[in-house]
Amino acid sequence: MPVILQPDSAAIAQCAERLRAGHAVGFPTETVYGLGCDSTSEAAVAEVYRLKQRPSSNPLIAHVLDAAMAKRTVIGWDVRAQKLAEAFWPGPLAIILPRRSEICASSVGGRTTVAVRAPAHPVARALIEAFGGPISAPSANRSGHISPTTAAHVCEEFPDEPSLPVLDGGPCEVGLESTVVDLSRARPTVLRLGAIDAAELEETLGTQVFVTDPGIQGASPGTSPSHYAPHTPAELVEEGALAARLTSEPSPVAVLAFAGTPVDAPHELFALPRHASAYAQMLYATMRRADASGAPRILIVPPSDKGALWDAVRDRLRRATARRPSQRN
């Protein structure tokens, strides 16, 4: 089981030294917990992919302290990137630009671009500052599984990794992965939905921002059809169809839905708040509890509320319930 460290100066220094030695570290961000490594070390990047069991084509985000560090990580940092950094960094926005040669090609699936982000979490920032360079990191979970939003979740994902340190920064404030915007093309394009929406980006840039088809995989992590998924088979059920569906279920099931949704025994409601930011913050932790409940199936009632953050939530729910190649009825 990984060791959880309280993020004092000694623990930060210990983890920074571990990064320099080419090893992985679990650390908090405001979105989800990351599994970080030295962006310039092929061996370190390989360790992260091995631990996650992650496809080599799936890129990592390079976490930086600020725009100055980003400029040492990417090529072509332009006025658009500067505007976005000034408006949204530190925060849950990753910006894709051509990468410098020092950034391992293996960390971005062989692509010529890299996504960079300055996280807002003070522990993440302290770690990056102590390390002195970009830290490439995916979410700290096995590939395709539910993203971790506490240090304990990271330990659950890697029970056989006793040497892996995890800095404990408490529950993640945002709870969903960052928005990813691609500035390597002529038209700014959102590749992954998150807490910062295209309208906010358009207002900052003064130009149209496009949103890619969510079914297209590309230069952004978190865009595979099946992702963020529980081990238990899960499916979306519209609110109006839930009662009839529960009546027809032969065994007790877990239901993820708004608090107050009628769910009678023997089925169990795993309630989520009605406010978008609170729902997003609690989604993965609640999904993990449902996954651990022993129910043979999870039914998820997708919120129908309008809004950009709700769109990001629905994106995660669609991927969490997408059919996996190995999944059977």
Foldseek 3Di string as FASTA:
>chain_A
DEAEDALDPVVLLVQLVCQVVLAWAWEDFLAFIWTWHDQQDPSNLVRQCVLQVHPQQFAWAWEAAAVVQVCVFAPDCDPLNVLCRVVAPQHQEWEKHFTDPSGDCSRQNNDRIHTYHHTDQPSVNSNNVSNVHIITTDALAHWLAAGHQFQVVSCVRRVPCHHHYHYTSDGRQQQHHGWYWYPHDPAIETAAAGPDDQVNSCVRNVDHYHYDDLQDDDRHHPSDLAHNAFPAQEDEDALVCVVVVLVPDPFAAEEEEAPPRDDDPPHYYLHFHPDLRRRSSCVRVSNVCRSPPPGNYYYYHQDPDDDRSSVNVVSSVSNRNDDDPPDDD
